[in-house]
Protein backbone atom coordinates (compact mmCIF):
# COMPACT_ATOMS: atom_id res chain seq x y z
CA MET A 1 -5.45 -9.27 16.60
CA LYS A 2 -1.79 -9.84 17.40
CA THR A 3 0.21 -6.89 18.73
CA PHE A 4 3.81 -6.25 17.71
CA ASP A 5 6.95 -5.05 19.43
CA ILE A 6 8.11 -2.14 17.30
CA PRO A 7 10.59 0.63 18.26
CA ILE A 8 9.07 3.25 20.54
CA ILE A 9 10.40 5.98 18.24
CA TYR A 10 7.60 5.10 15.82
CA ARG A 11 4.89 5.36 18.46
CA SER A 12 2.88 8.44 19.39
CA PRO A 13 1.17 8.84 22.77
CA LEU A 14 -1.42 11.13 21.17
CA ILE A 15 -2.25 8.88 18.22
CA THR A 16 -2.24 5.75 20.38
CA ALA A 17 -4.73 7.35 22.80
CA ILE A 18 -6.99 8.39 19.93
CA LYS A 19 -6.89 5.00 18.21
CA ASN A 20 -7.55 3.13 21.47
CA LYS A 21 -10.48 5.40 22.30
CA ARG A 22 -12.01 4.94 18.86
CA LYS A 23 -11.52 1.19 19.07
CA GLN A 24 -13.35 1.05 22.41
CA GLN A 25 -16.22 3.14 21.07
CA ASP A 26 -16.48 1.32 17.75
CA LYS A 27 -15.44 -2.32 18.21
CA MET A 28 -17.26 -3.44 15.04
CA LYS A 29 -15.52 -0.73 12.94
CA LYS A 30 -18.74 0.66 11.52
CA ASP A 31 -18.09 4.33 12.31
CA PHE A 32 -15.83 5.91 9.68
CA SER A 33 -16.23 9.50 10.85
CA PRO A 34 -12.99 11.29 11.83
CA ALA A 35 -11.77 12.22 15.31
CA LEU A 36 -11.80 15.96 16.03
CA LEU A 37 -8.83 17.58 17.74
CA ASP A 38 -10.13 20.99 18.74
CA PHE A 39 -7.26 23.36 19.48
CA GLY A 40 -9.48 26.45 19.32
CA SER A 41 -8.39 28.41 16.26
CA LEU A 42 -7.23 25.14 14.67
CA HIS A 43 -9.44 22.09 14.12
CA ILE A 44 -7.71 18.90 13.02
CA TYR A 45 -9.79 15.95 11.84
CA LEU A 46 -7.99 12.59 11.95
CA ALA A 47 -9.20 9.72 9.77
CA ARG A 48 -10.78 6.78 11.60
CA HIS A 49 -8.12 4.39 10.25
CA PHE A 50 -4.59 5.29 9.14
CA GLY A 51 -0.95 4.42 9.68
CA PHE A 52 0.82 1.12 10.29
CA CYS A 53 -1.12 -1.97 9.27
CA TYR A 54 -0.64 -5.57 10.43
CA GLY A 55 1.79 -6.45 7.64
CA VAL A 56 3.98 -3.39 8.19
CA GLU A 57 4.23 -3.85 11.97
CA ASN A 58 5.04 -7.53 11.44
CA ALA A 59 7.84 -6.62 8.99
CA ILE A 60 9.31 -3.98 11.29
CA GLU A 61 9.28 -6.29 14.32
CA ILE A 62 11.03 -9.10 12.43
CA SER A 63 13.62 -6.73 10.95
CA PHE A 64 14.67 -5.09 14.21
CA ARG A 65 14.59 -8.42 16.07
CA THR A 66 16.84 -9.94 13.39
CA ILE A 67 19.38 -7.16 13.93
CA ASP A 68 19.33 -7.60 17.70
CA GLU A 69 19.67 -11.40 17.52
CA ASN A 70 22.52 -11.48 15.00
CA PRO A 71 25.34 -9.16 16.14
CA GLY A 72 28.33 -9.21 13.83
CA LYS A 73 26.49 -10.83 10.93
CA ARG A 74 26.02 -9.21 7.55
CA ILE A 75 22.32 -8.49 7.15
CA PHE A 76 20.73 -7.46 3.88
CA LEU A 77 17.30 -6.28 2.86
CA LEU A 78 16.20 -7.58 -0.51
CA SER A 79 14.76 -4.10 -1.18
CA GLU A 80 13.07 -1.38 0.85
CA MET A 81 11.41 -3.01 3.87
CA ILE A 82 8.36 -0.80 3.40
CA HIS A 83 7.87 2.40 1.43
CA ASN A 84 8.76 4.76 4.24
CA PRO A 85 12.04 6.72 4.15
CA GLN A 86 12.41 7.08 7.94
CA VAL A 87 12.06 3.36 8.66
CA ASN A 88 14.41 2.38 5.85
CA THR A 89 16.99 4.97 6.96
CA ASP A 90 16.77 3.68 10.53
CA LEU A 91 17.43 0.13 9.37
CA GLN A 92 20.37 1.23 7.22
CA SER A 93 21.82 3.19 10.14
CA ARG A 94 21.97 -0.10 12.02
CA GLY A 95 24.07 -1.69 9.30
CA LEU A 96 21.53 -3.21 6.95
CA GLN A 97 22.19 -2.95 3.22
CA PHE A 98 19.77 -3.04 0.28
CA LEU A 99 20.40 -5.62 -2.42
CA GLN A 100 17.98 -4.01 -4.89
CA ASP A 101 16.13 -0.75 -5.40
CA THR A 102 12.34 -0.60 -5.54
CA ASN A 103 12.34 -1.29 -9.30
CA GLY A 104 14.31 -4.49 -8.90
CA ASN A 105 17.63 -3.06 -10.12
CA GLN A 106 20.60 -4.73 -8.47
CA LEU A 107 22.58 -2.58 -5.99
CA ILE A 108 24.70 -5.42 -4.61
CA SER A 109 25.27 -8.55 -6.67
CA PHE A 110 23.87 -11.83 -5.33
CA ASP A 111 27.32 -13.23 -6.18
CA GLU A 112 28.71 -11.34 -3.17
CA LEU A 113 26.44 -13.22 -0.76
CA THR A 114 27.45 -16.29 1.26
CA SER A 115 25.49 -18.82 3.28
CA ASP A 116 26.52 -16.95 6.43
CA ASP A 117 24.63 -13.85 5.36
CA ILE A 118 21.06 -12.99 6.31
CA VAL A 119 18.63 -11.67 3.70
CA ILE A 120 15.31 -10.25 4.87
CA ILE A 121 12.41 -10.51 2.43
CA PRO A 122 10.33 -7.28 2.57
CA ALA A 123 6.63 -6.98 3.34
CA PHE A 124 5.86 -6.92 -0.40
CA GLY A 125 7.23 -10.44 -0.83
CA THR A 126 9.52 -11.47 -3.69
CA THR A 127 9.58 -13.57 -6.81
CA LEU A 128 10.11 -17.33 -6.86
CA GLU A 129 13.16 -16.76 -9.07
CA ILE A 130 14.87 -14.58 -6.46
CA GLU A 131 14.00 -17.02 -3.67
CA GLU A 132 15.60 -19.83 -5.68
CA LYS A 133 18.78 -17.77 -6.24
CA LEU A 134 19.07 -17.01 -2.53
CA ASN A 135 18.31 -20.60 -1.48
CA ALA A 136 20.94 -21.87 -3.92
CA LYS A 137 23.42 -19.75 -1.96
CA GLY A 138 22.39 -21.55 1.22
CA ILE A 139 20.49 -18.52 2.53
CA GLN A 140 17.40 -19.36 4.59
CA THR A 141 14.79 -17.00 3.18
CA GLU A 142 11.89 -18.57 5.07
CA LYS A 143 13.42 -17.67 8.44
CA TYR A 144 13.57 -13.94 7.69
CA ASN A 145 10.56 -13.58 5.42
CA THR A 146 8.37 -10.60 6.37
CA THR A 147 5.89 -10.97 3.48
CA CYS A 148 2.53 -9.56 4.53
CA PRO A 149 0.00 -12.34 5.30
CA PHE A 150 -2.55 -10.54 3.13
CA VAL A 151 -0.18 -10.59 0.16
CA GLU A 152 0.31 -14.31 0.76
CA LYS A 153 -3.48 -14.67 0.82
CA VAL A 154 -3.57 -13.31 -2.74
CA TRP A 155 -0.94 -15.87 -3.77
CA THR A 156 -2.91 -18.70 -2.16
CA ARG A 157 -6.13 -17.62 -3.86
CA SER A 158 -4.34 -17.40 -7.20
CA GLU A 159 -3.07 -20.94 -6.73
CA GLN A 160 -6.56 -22.17 -5.85
CA ILE A 161 -8.21 -20.77 -8.96
CA ALA A 162 -5.25 -21.91 -11.09
CA LYS A 163 -6.10 -25.50 -10.13
CA ASN A 164 -9.49 -24.91 -11.75
CA ASN A 165 -7.85 -23.69 -14.96
CA TYR A 166 -8.52 -19.98 -14.56
CA THR A 167 -6.10 -17.41 -15.92
CA VAL A 168 -5.11 -14.86 -13.25
CA ILE A 169 -5.60 -11.16 -14.01
CA ILE A 170 -3.55 -9.05 -11.57
CA HIS A 171 -4.65 -5.45 -10.99
CA GLY A 172 -1.42 -3.72 -10.06
CA LYS A 173 1.46 -1.49 -11.07
CA PRO A 174 3.71 -3.65 -13.29
CA ASN A 175 6.97 -2.39 -11.72
CA HIS A 176 5.85 -2.52 -8.08
CA GLU A 177 7.65 -5.11 -5.91
CA GLU A 178 4.41 -6.68 -4.74
CA THR A 179 2.97 -7.00 -8.24
CA ARG A 180 6.19 -8.55 -9.52
CA ALA A 181 6.06 -11.06 -6.67
CA THR A 182 2.38 -11.88 -7.18
CA PHE A 183 2.90 -12.26 -10.92
CA SER A 184 5.79 -14.66 -10.29
CA HIS A 185 3.75 -16.83 -7.93
CA ALA A 186 0.61 -16.78 -10.08
CA SER A 187 2.38 -17.46 -13.39
CA SER A 188 4.14 -20.49 -11.91
CA ASN A 189 0.71 -22.14 -11.75
CA THR A 190 -1.36 -20.65 -14.56
CA PRO A 191 -1.30 -18.11 -17.42
CA SER A 192 -1.21 -14.61 -15.89
CA ILE A 193 -1.45 -11.00 -16.99
CA ILE A 194 -1.08 -7.62 -15.24
CA VAL A 195 -3.52 -4.77 -15.87
CA ASN A 196 -2.58 -1.38 -14.47
CA ASP A 197 -6.00 0.27 -14.55
CA MET A 198 -9.49 0.27 -16.03
CA LYS A 199 -8.16 1.59 -19.34
CA GLU A 200 -6.03 -1.53 -19.74
CA ALA A 201 -8.91 -3.72 -18.54
CA ARG A 202 -11.09 -2.27 -21.32
CA GLN A 203 -8.39 -3.06 -23.86
CA LEU A 204 -8.09 -6.60 -22.50
CA ALA A 205 -11.85 -7.02 -22.91
CA LYS A 206 -11.48 -6.34 -26.64
CA TYR A 207 -9.26 -9.41 -26.91
CA ILE A 208 -11.74 -11.46 -24.86
CA ASN A 209 -14.67 -10.59 -27.13
CA GLY A 210 -12.64 -10.70 -30.36
CA GLU A 211 -12.74 -6.98 -31.21
CA LYS A 212 -8.95 -6.83 -31.54
CA ALA A 213 -6.59 -9.18 -33.36
CA PRO A 214 -4.73 -11.57 -31.00
CA GLU A 215 -1.30 -10.59 -32.34
CA GLU A 216 -1.82 -6.99 -31.15
CA PHE A 217 -2.08 -8.24 -27.56
CA TYR A 218 1.59 -9.16 -27.39
CA ILE A 219 2.59 -5.61 -28.31
CA GLU A 220 0.02 -3.81 -26.17
CA PHE A 221 0.71 -5.88 -23.05
CA LYS A 222 4.44 -6.37 -23.55
CA ASN A 223 6.19 -7.51 -20.34
CA GLN A 224 2.83 -7.89 -18.59
CA TYR A 225 1.92 -11.48 -19.54
CA SER A 226 3.38 -14.85 -18.62
CA LYS A 227 5.59 -16.94 -20.86
CA GLY A 228 3.66 -18.86 -23.49
CA PHE A 229 0.46 -16.83 -22.98
CA ASP A 230 -2.11 -17.80 -25.64
CA VAL A 231 -4.64 -15.01 -26.15
CA GLU A 232 -7.16 -17.19 -27.98
CA LYS A 233 -7.10 -19.92 -25.33
CA ASP A 234 -6.10 -18.33 -22.03
CA LEU A 235 -8.81 -15.67 -21.78
CA GLY A 236 -11.68 -18.16 -21.71
CA ARG A 237 -11.69 -18.53 -17.91
CA ILE A 238 -10.39 -15.70 -15.71
CA GLY A 239 -10.19 -14.44 -12.13
CA VAL A 240 -9.03 -11.03 -10.83
CA VAL A 241 -6.70 -10.47 -7.86
CA ASN A 242 -4.84 -7.31 -6.90
CA GLN A 243 -1.75 -5.62 -5.60
CA THR A 244 -3.10 -5.11 -2.08
CA THR A 245 -2.24 -1.40 -1.98
CA MET A 246 -4.33 -0.43 -5.01
CA LEU A 247 -7.67 1.32 -4.61
CA ALA A 248 -10.05 -1.45 -3.57
CA SER A 249 -12.89 0.27 -5.43
CA ASP A 250 -10.79 0.27 -8.64
CA THR A 251 -10.03 -3.45 -8.30
CA GLN A 252 -13.70 -4.20 -7.74
CA ALA A 253 -14.70 -2.06 -10.72
CA ILE A 254 -12.21 -3.88 -12.95
CA ALA A 255 -13.41 -7.27 -11.69
CA ASP A 256 -17.06 -6.31 -12.24
CA PHE A 257 -16.29 -5.01 -15.73
CA LEU A 258 -14.41 -8.15 -16.81
CA LYS A 259 -17.10 -10.32 -15.24
CA GLY A 260 -19.67 -8.46 -17.33
CA THR A 261 -17.52 -8.99 -20.41
CA MET A 262 -17.50 -12.75 -19.82
CA ILE A 263 -21.26 -12.83 -19.17
CA LYS A 264 -21.95 -10.99 -22.42
CA LYS A 265 -19.56 -13.08 -24.52
CA TYR A 266 -20.70 -16.46 -23.25
CA GLY A 267 -24.37 -15.66 -22.49
CA LEU A 268 -23.97 -16.62 -18.83
CA LEU A 269 -26.60 -16.51 -16.10
CA ASP A 270 -25.92 -15.61 -12.47
CA THR A 271 -25.89 -19.31 -11.65
CA THR A 272 -23.35 -20.13 -14.36
CA VAL A 273 -20.91 -17.20 -14.05
CA GLU A 274 -18.29 -19.33 -12.29
CA GLU A 275 -17.93 -21.38 -15.47
CA ARG A 276 -15.93 -18.45 -16.83
CA PHE A 277 -15.19 -16.04 -13.96
CA ALA A 278 -13.79 -16.86 -10.51
CA ASP A 279 -15.01 -14.98 -7.45
CA THR A 280 -11.90 -13.53 -5.78
CA ARG A 281 -13.54 -10.72 -3.81
CA ASP A 282 -12.04 -12.15 -0.60
CA THR A 283 -8.49 -11.16 -1.61
CA LEU A 284 -8.98 -7.42 -1.00
CA CYS A 285 -6.76 -6.29 1.92
CA TYR A 286 -8.76 -5.26 4.99
CA ALA A 287 -6.29 -2.49 5.98
CA THR A 288 -6.22 -0.93 2.52
CA ASN A 289 -10.00 -1.07 2.40
CA ASP A 290 -10.39 0.39 5.93
CA ASN A 291 -7.96 3.26 5.27
CA GLN A 292 -9.62 4.15 1.98
CA THR A 293 -13.12 3.94 3.44
CA ALA A 294 -11.97 6.09 6.37
CA VAL A 295 -10.78 8.76 3.91
CA LYS A 296 -14.21 8.77 2.30
CA GLY A 297 -15.69 9.31 5.77
CA LEU A 298 -13.10 11.99 6.45
CA LEU A 299 -14.03 13.86 3.28
CA GLU A 300 -17.62 14.27 4.47
CA THR A 301 -16.25 16.89 6.87
CA ASP A 302 -16.17 20.49 5.67
CA ALA A 303 -12.51 21.56 5.71
CA ASP A 304 -10.00 23.93 4.13
CA PHE A 305 -7.57 21.29 2.90
CA ALA A 306 -6.15 17.84 3.56
CA ILE A 307 -2.67 16.64 4.48
CA VAL A 308 -1.66 13.07 3.62
CA VAL A 309 1.54 11.81 5.26
CA GLY A 310 3.68 8.99 3.92
CA GLY A 311 6.52 7.86 1.68
CA TYR A 312 6.48 9.38 -1.78
CA ASN A 313 6.96 5.96 -3.40
CA SER A 314 4.17 4.41 -1.32
CA SER A 315 1.39 3.08 -3.54
CA ASN A 316 -1.29 2.93 -0.85
CA THR A 317 -0.48 6.49 0.29
CA SER A 318 -0.71 7.89 -3.24
CA HIS A 319 -4.18 6.40 -3.54
CA LEU A 320 -5.26 8.20 -0.35
CA VAL A 321 -3.96 11.41 -1.91
CA GLU A 322 -5.89 10.60 -5.06
CA LEU A 323 -9.12 10.25 -3.09
CA CYS A 324 -8.58 13.52 -1.22
CA GLU A 325 -7.68 15.46 -4.36
CA GLU A 326 -11.11 14.74 -5.79
CA THR A 327 -12.70 16.87 -3.07
CA LEU A 328 -10.33 19.57 -1.79
CA PRO A 329 -6.76 20.93 -1.94
CA THR A 330 -4.39 18.21 -0.74
CA TYR A 331 -0.77 18.32 0.40
CA PHE A 332 1.25 15.08 0.27
CA ILE A 333 4.26 15.25 2.62
CA ASN A 334 6.60 12.65 4.14
CA THR A 335 7.59 14.53 7.31
CA GLU A 336 6.67 17.60 9.34
CA GLU A 337 9.88 19.20 8.08
CA LYS A 338 8.13 19.82 4.76
CA ILE A 339 5.94 22.37 6.53
CA LEU A 340 8.45 25.19 6.28
CA SER A 341 6.38 27.93 7.94
CA ALA A 342 2.81 29.11 8.44
CA LYS A 343 2.92 30.21 4.82
CA GLU A 344 5.07 27.67 3.00
CA ILE A 345 4.74 23.91 2.50
CA LEU A 346 6.90 21.70 0.28
CA HIS A 347 4.68 18.88 -0.97
CA TYR A 348 4.83 16.08 -3.50
CA ASN A 349 2.89 15.80 -6.74
CA PHE A 350 2.81 12.05 -7.33
CA HIS A 351 1.47 12.59 -10.86
CA THR A 352 4.59 14.47 -11.99
CA LYS A 353 6.95 12.94 -9.38
CA GLN A 354 8.09 16.39 -8.23
CA GLU A 355 8.03 18.40 -5.02
CA ILE A 356 6.18 21.72 -5.20
CA LEU A 357 6.48 24.76 -2.96
CA SER A 358 3.10 26.28 -2.10
CA THR A 359 2.70 29.55 -0.25
CA SER A 360 -0.11 30.85 1.97
CA PHE A 361 -1.36 27.30 2.48
CA LEU A 362 -2.85 28.11 5.90
CA THR A 363 -6.05 30.14 5.50
CA GLU A 364 -6.57 33.20 7.67
CA HIS A 365 -10.15 32.61 8.76
CA SER A 366 -10.84 30.93 12.10
CA PRO A 367 -10.96 28.13 12.87
CA VAL A 368 -8.72 26.61 10.20
CA LYS A 369 -10.00 23.10 9.48
CA ILE A 370 -7.52 20.46 8.32
CA LEU A 371 -8.10 16.80 7.43
CA ILE A 372 -5.19 14.44 8.13
CA THR A 373 -4.50 10.82 7.25
CA SER A 374 -1.40 8.73 6.54
CA GLY A 375 -0.30 5.69 4.59
CA ALA A 376 0.01 2.15 5.96
CA SER A 377 3.81 2.43 6.19
CA CYS A 378 3.88 5.79 8.00
CA PRO A 379 4.78 5.78 11.72
CA ASP A 380 2.26 7.47 14.02
CA ALA A 381 5.12 9.52 15.47
CA ILE A 382 5.47 11.34 12.15
CA VAL A 383 1.75 12.16 12.11
CA GLU A 384 2.07 13.57 15.63
CA GLY A 385 5.04 15.60 14.43
CA VAL A 386 2.88 17.10 11.68
CA ILE A 387 0.17 17.97 14.19
CA ARG A 388 2.68 19.57 16.56
CA LYS A 389 4.08 21.67 13.72
CA LEU A 390 0.62 22.89 12.71
CA VAL A 391 -0.37 23.66 16.31
CA SER A 392 2.78 25.77 16.73
CA PHE A 393 1.41 28.30 14.23
CA PHE A 394 -1.71 29.02 16.28
CA PRO A 395 -2.54 30.39 19.74
CA ALA A 396 -3.76 26.93 20.74
CA GLU A 397 -6.14 26.54 23.65
CA LYS A 398 -4.72 23.08 24.43
CA THR A 399 -1.28 21.51 24.29
CA ILE A 400 -0.64 18.17 22.61
CA GLU A 401 -0.26 16.62 26.04
CA GLU A 402 -3.60 18.02 27.22
CA MET A 403 -5.24 16.73 24.04
CA THR A 404 -3.74 13.29 24.68
CA GLU A 405 -5.29 13.24 28.17
CA LEU A 406 -8.73 14.03 26.71
CA PHE A 407 -8.67 10.75 24.78
CA HIS A 408 -7.56 8.57 27.70
């Protein structure tokens, strides 16, 4: 796989050594057990896969290269490059400005742009409508487009099934940048609808099998269906794709459920399912799937608690937290600075959207066992910072540098 030139400040000698060692030992990526960092009275277990994915590294490389190659030019980001506060702050410190916030609200009017300006499209992609507005200004969006290739794969697959007259069901968060972009691309080719979760999928099924009156659909799914959507006609042939940062298992469960709904309604056999339901299993993002599977492997380890590192508005990171929370106490932080002391940690509750101060989070028995993973937009350097902070509270038998050497 291609390697990227990203700023060294995001790299970690420790994490790089661990990842390289694991890659050498497990080239086929079949071992999802964690890596143990044994510091004596502190045991840290690192997930097999975590941190920057292909799409994120690609976006970061293009963004920093664009800055370096265009001195003196006004450079804008359509919205946050990725959902990581450190990376976005670094880009802003180098003069980049955001045109929109993560919800699509305008921060700087497109009317202020000229053809001399550069606008970088984030890794999430953008809508066709926004591309058209920028292109009408003479801005070359294709030259500075960092859309993740796996997001584009979803768009391509949506277009393919649209040609066969399937309606596209998008499993995603309606207000997320990527879902808005995917919805825009899909609905330009075929009727489309967004479902946020299994609860909404179950409600959608009631319109498919006629349990609910069609007119109720337009109220229940307001702002989540494409223009001109016809409930009675457009739910006869469907295919499911997803926002790539959702839980892959949730997307598959929704697809399987809706597939079962179509089989039951139309009396389909295994050989005739494609008459009503398109197979889109190949659109699940490999990195999202690997990171989530690695967390499941991580959770097989007996531990005191888990720490998940990443941006608080990061969808893929919140799903890792969600998985960990099912098994043991979990602290969601975006930097080592949130670990205030050996007793206090300031962590984020993504359910209530609030930070919480917890005390006595480090247990007193020995060794303390901690599981650690991070989101796809979190730099490895931040994970190392978290490890260093934790190690500082213990009479460690090894330094970080000595641990790094063990994995070389």
